[in-house]
Amino acid sequence: MNARFYFANLGADVARCIKALEMGDNNRYEQSLARARKTLGFLRAADRPEAYEEGILLVYGLTHARQDGTIAAFADQLDRFNASFIVV
């Protein structure tokens, strides 16, 4: 697996976090966040420090959006971002 694969998976993990928040399911949110952190570990091991740093910022953005109550706007931007990883 390469950094692109792990970064795309991180985007999916964060999307699951958002879905859990929208459903009001804190347990599912915590499980998804733990999965995102595990994926960050794989991303770090992929030896692409710039991808790892961007991944950290993505998780930080999730946390910030949750605290600010801007999760809907964050979700919209994440959807647009994740679309760039779709291979046609």
N, C-alpha and C. Protein backbone atom coordinates (compact mmCIF):
# COMPACT_ATOMS: atom_id res chain seq x y z
N MET A 1 0.84 -1.18 0.00
CA MET A 1 0.00 0.00 0.00
C MET A 1 0.89 1.25 0.00
N ASN A 2 0.38 2.30 -0.61
CA ASN A 2 1.17 3.53 -0.67
C ASN A 2 0.45 4.68 0.04
N ALA A 3 1.12 5.81 0.09
CA ALA A 3 0.59 6.96 0.82
C ALA A 3 -0.75 7.42 0.25
N ARG A 4 -0.91 7.35 -1.05
CA ARG A 4 -2.18 7.77 -1.67
C ARG A 4 -3.33 6.89 -1.15
N PHE A 5 -3.09 5.60 -1.07
CA PHE A 5 -4.09 4.67 -0.57
C PHE A 5 -4.47 5.01 0.87
N TYR A 6 -3.46 5.18 1.72
CA TYR A 6 -3.73 5.48 3.12
C TYR A 6 -4.39 6.84 3.30
N PHE A 7 -4.01 7.82 2.49
CA PHE A 7 -4.62 9.13 2.62
C PHE A 7 -6.09 9.08 2.21
N ALA A 8 -6.39 8.33 1.16
CA ALA A 8 -7.78 8.18 0.75
C ALA A 8 -8.58 7.47 1.85
N ASN A 9 -7.97 6.46 2.47
CA ASN A 9 -8.65 5.78 3.57
C ASN A 9 -8.86 6.70 4.75
N LEU A 10 -7.90 7.56 5.01
CA LEU A 10 -8.06 8.54 6.08
C LEU A 10 -9.25 9.44 5.81
N GLY A 11 -9.39 9.86 4.57
CA GLY A 11 -10.56 10.68 4.20
C GLY A 11 -11.86 9.94 4.47
N ALA A 12 -11.89 8.64 4.19
CA ALA A 12 -13.09 7.84 4.46
C ALA A 12 -13.31 7.71 5.97
N ASP A 13 -12.24 7.54 6.72
CA ASP A 13 -12.36 7.46 8.18
C ASP A 13 -12.96 8.74 8.74
N VAL A 14 -12.48 9.87 8.27
CA VAL A 14 -12.99 11.16 8.74
C VAL A 14 -14.44 11.33 8.32
N ALA A 15 -14.78 10.88 7.12
CA ALA A 15 -16.17 10.95 6.67
C ALA A 15 -17.08 10.12 7.58
N ARG A 16 -16.59 8.96 8.02
CA ARG A 16 -17.38 8.15 8.97
C ARG A 16 -17.54 8.87 10.31
N CYS A 17 -16.51 9.59 10.72
CA CYS A 17 -16.61 10.40 11.95
C CYS A 17 -17.72 11.42 11.81
N ILE A 18 -17.75 12.09 10.68
CA ILE A 18 -18.77 13.12 10.43
C ILE A 18 -20.16 12.51 10.44
N LYS A 19 -20.32 11.38 9.78
CA LYS A 19 -21.62 10.71 9.74
C LYS A 19 -22.08 10.35 11.14
N ALA A 20 -21.16 9.86 11.96
CA ALA A 20 -21.50 9.51 13.34
C ALA A 20 -21.95 10.74 14.11
N LEU A 21 -21.26 11.86 13.91
CA LEU A 21 -21.65 13.11 14.58
C LEU A 21 -23.05 13.53 14.14
N GLU A 22 -23.31 13.43 12.86
CA GLU A 22 -24.62 13.82 12.34
C GLU A 22 -25.73 12.94 12.91
N MET A 23 -25.40 11.68 13.20
CA MET A 23 -26.38 10.75 13.76
C MET A 23 -26.45 10.86 15.28
N GLY A 24 -25.56 11.65 15.87
CA GLY A 24 -25.53 11.79 17.32
C GLY A 24 -24.99 10.56 18.03
N ASP A 25 -24.19 9.76 17.33
CA ASP A 25 -23.65 8.51 17.87
C ASP A 25 -22.20 8.71 18.30
N ASN A 26 -22.01 9.13 19.54
CA ASN A 26 -20.67 9.43 20.04
C ASN A 26 -19.78 8.18 20.07
N ASN A 27 -20.34 7.03 20.39
CA ASN A 27 -19.56 5.79 20.41
C ASN A 27 -18.99 5.48 19.03
N ARG A 28 -19.84 5.59 18.02
CA ARG A 28 -19.39 5.35 16.64
C ARG A 28 -18.36 6.40 16.22
N TYR A 29 -18.56 7.63 16.66
CA TYR A 29 -17.59 8.68 16.37
C TYR A 29 -16.22 8.32 16.94
N GLU A 30 -16.19 7.91 18.20
CA GLU A 30 -14.93 7.55 18.85
C GLU A 30 -14.27 6.36 18.15
N GLN A 31 -15.05 5.38 17.74
CA GLN A 31 -14.51 4.23 17.02
C GLN A 31 -13.92 4.65 15.68
N SER A 32 -14.62 5.52 14.99
CA SER A 32 -14.13 6.00 13.69
C SER A 32 -12.89 6.87 13.85
N LEU A 33 -12.86 7.67 14.90
CA LEU A 33 -11.69 8.50 15.16
C LEU A 33 -10.49 7.63 15.50
N ALA A 34 -10.70 6.56 16.25
CA ALA A 34 -9.61 5.62 16.55
C ALA A 34 -9.09 4.98 15.26
N ARG A 35 -9.99 4.64 14.35
CA ARG A 35 -9.60 4.07 13.06
C ARG A 35 -8.81 5.10 12.25
N ALA A 36 -9.22 6.37 12.31
CA ALA A 36 -8.49 7.43 11.60
C ALA A 36 -7.08 7.57 12.15
N ARG A 37 -6.94 7.49 13.46
CA ARG A 37 -5.61 7.59 14.07
C ARG A 37 -4.74 6.40 13.67
N LYS A 38 -5.34 5.23 13.58
CA LYS A 38 -4.59 4.04 13.14
C LYS A 38 -4.14 4.23 11.69
N THR A 39 -5.02 4.75 10.86
CA THR A 39 -4.68 5.02 9.46
C THR A 39 -3.57 6.05 9.37
N LEU A 40 -3.59 7.05 10.25
CA LEU A 40 -2.50 8.03 10.30
C LEU A 40 -1.16 7.34 10.56
N GLY A 41 -1.17 6.33 11.41
CA GLY A 41 0.05 5.58 11.68
C GLY A 41 0.56 4.88 10.44
N PHE A 42 -0.34 4.29 9.67
CA PHE A 42 0.06 3.66 8.41
C PHE A 42 0.59 4.70 7.43
N LEU A 43 -0.04 5.85 7.41
CA LEU A 43 0.38 6.93 6.53
C LEU A 43 1.77 7.41 6.90
N ARG A 44 2.03 7.52 8.17
CA ARG A 44 3.36 7.94 8.63
C ARG A 44 4.42 6.94 8.19
N ALA A 45 4.10 5.65 8.28
CA ALA A 45 5.04 4.60 7.90
C ALA A 45 5.25 4.53 6.39
N ALA A 46 4.39 5.18 5.62
CA ALA A 46 4.51 5.16 4.15
C ALA A 46 5.64 6.05 3.67
N ASP A 47 6.31 6.72 4.58
CA ASP A 47 7.49 7.53 4.28
C ASP A 47 7.19 8.67 3.31
N ARG A 48 6.05 9.29 3.51
CA ARG A 48 5.68 10.50 2.76
C ARG A 48 5.27 11.54 3.80
N PRO A 49 6.27 12.23 4.38
CA PRO A 49 5.98 13.13 5.49
C PRO A 49 4.95 14.21 5.16
N GLU A 50 4.92 14.66 3.91
CA GLU A 50 3.95 15.70 3.55
C GLU A 50 2.53 15.16 3.60
N ALA A 51 2.34 13.90 3.23
CA ALA A 51 1.01 13.29 3.30
C ALA A 51 0.60 13.09 4.76
N TYR A 52 1.54 12.68 5.57
CA TYR A 52 1.27 12.50 7.00
C TYR A 52 0.88 13.83 7.64
N GLU A 53 1.61 14.89 7.31
CA GLU A 53 1.30 16.21 7.86
C GLU A 53 -0.08 16.68 7.43
N GLU A 54 -0.42 16.45 6.17
CA GLU A 54 -1.76 16.81 5.69
C GLU A 54 -2.83 15.98 6.39
N GLY A 55 -2.52 14.73 6.67
CA GLY A 55 -3.45 13.87 7.39
C GLY A 55 -3.71 14.38 8.80
N ILE A 56 -2.66 14.81 9.46
CA ILE A 56 -2.82 15.39 10.79
C ILE A 56 -3.72 16.62 10.72
N LEU A 57 -3.51 17.45 9.71
CA LEU A 57 -4.34 18.64 9.55
C LEU A 57 -5.80 18.29 9.28
N LEU A 58 -6.02 17.20 8.56
CA LEU A 58 -7.38 16.76 8.27
C LEU A 58 -8.10 16.36 9.56
N VAL A 59 -7.42 15.60 10.41
CA VAL A 59 -8.02 15.19 11.68
C VAL A 59 -8.20 16.41 12.60
N TYR A 60 -7.23 17.31 12.58
CA TYR A 60 -7.35 18.55 13.36
C TYR A 60 -8.55 19.36 12.87
N GLY A 61 -8.74 19.42 11.56
CA GLY A 61 -9.88 20.14 10.99
C GLY A 61 -11.20 19.56 11.46
N LEU A 62 -11.27 18.24 11.54
CA LEU A 62 -12.47 17.58 12.06
C LEU A 62 -12.74 18.02 13.49
N THR A 63 -11.73 17.98 14.31
CA THR A 63 -11.87 18.37 15.71
C THR A 63 -12.31 19.82 15.83
N HIS A 64 -11.69 20.68 15.03
CA HIS A 64 -12.01 22.10 15.06
C HIS A 64 -13.46 22.34 14.60
N ALA A 65 -13.86 21.67 13.52
CA ALA A 65 -15.22 21.84 13.01
C ALA A 65 -16.25 21.34 14.03
N ARG A 66 -15.91 20.28 14.72
CA ARG A 66 -16.83 19.76 15.74
C ARG A 66 -16.99 20.78 16.87
N GLN A 67 -15.90 21.37 17.30
CA GLN A 67 -15.94 22.34 18.39
C GLN A 67 -16.65 23.63 17.97
N ASP A 68 -16.45 24.04 16.72
CA ASP A 68 -17.04 25.29 16.23
C ASP A 68 -18.48 25.14 15.75
N GLY A 69 -18.94 23.92 15.62
CA GLY A 69 -20.29 23.71 15.09
C GLY A 69 -20.37 23.93 13.59
N THR A 70 -19.23 23.75 12.90
CA THR A 70 -19.19 23.95 11.45
C THR A 70 -18.99 22.62 10.73
N ILE A 71 -19.48 21.56 11.32
CA ILE A 71 -19.24 20.23 10.76
C ILE A 71 -19.89 20.06 9.37
N ALA A 72 -21.02 20.71 9.13
CA ALA A 72 -21.68 20.59 7.82
C ALA A 72 -20.81 21.19 6.72
N ALA A 73 -20.23 22.34 6.97
CA ALA A 73 -19.35 22.96 5.98
C ALA A 73 -18.08 22.13 5.79
N PHE A 74 -17.56 21.60 6.89
CA PHE A 74 -16.37 20.74 6.81
C PHE A 74 -16.69 19.49 5.99
N ALA A 75 -17.86 18.90 6.23
CA ALA A 75 -18.27 17.70 5.49
C ALA A 75 -18.35 17.98 4.00
N ASP A 76 -18.89 19.14 3.64
CA ASP A 76 -19.00 19.52 2.23
C ASP A 76 -17.62 19.62 1.58
N GLN A 77 -16.71 20.27 2.26
CA GLN A 77 -15.35 20.40 1.73
C GLN A 77 -14.64 19.05 1.66
N LEU A 78 -14.88 18.19 2.65
CA LEU A 78 -14.27 16.87 2.64
C LEU A 78 -14.80 16.04 1.47
N ASP A 79 -16.09 16.14 1.18
CA ASP A 79 -16.66 15.42 0.04
C ASP A 79 -16.00 15.85 -1.26
N ARG A 80 -15.79 17.13 -1.41
CA ARG A 80 -15.13 17.64 -2.62
C ARG A 80 -13.68 17.15 -2.70
N PHE A 81 -13.03 17.15 -1.56
CA PHE A 81 -11.64 16.70 -1.50
C PHE A 81 -11.54 15.20 -1.80
N ASN A 82 -12.39 14.41 -1.17
CA ASN A 82 -12.35 12.96 -1.37
C ASN A 82 -12.65 12.58 -2.82
N ALA A 83 -13.45 13.39 -3.49
CA ALA A 83 -13.77 13.10 -4.90
C ALA A 83 -12.53 13.10 -5.77
N SER A 84 -11.48 13.80 -5.35
CA SER A 84 -10.26 13.84 -6.15
C SER A 84 -9.51 12.51 -6.14
N PHE A 85 -9.89 11.61 -5.24
CA PHE A 85 -9.23 10.31 -5.17
C PHE A 85 -9.96 9.22 -5.95
N ILE A 86 -11.10 9.57 -6.51
CA ILE A 86 -11.88 8.59 -7.27
C ILE A 86 -11.20 8.38 -8.62
N VAL A 87 -10.95 7.10 -8.90
CA VAL A 87 -10.32 6.74 -10.17
C VAL A 87 -11.43 6.28 -11.11
N VAL A 88 -11.47 6.90 -12.28
CA VAL A 88 -12.52 6.56 -13.25
C VAL A 88 -11.94 5.66 -14.30
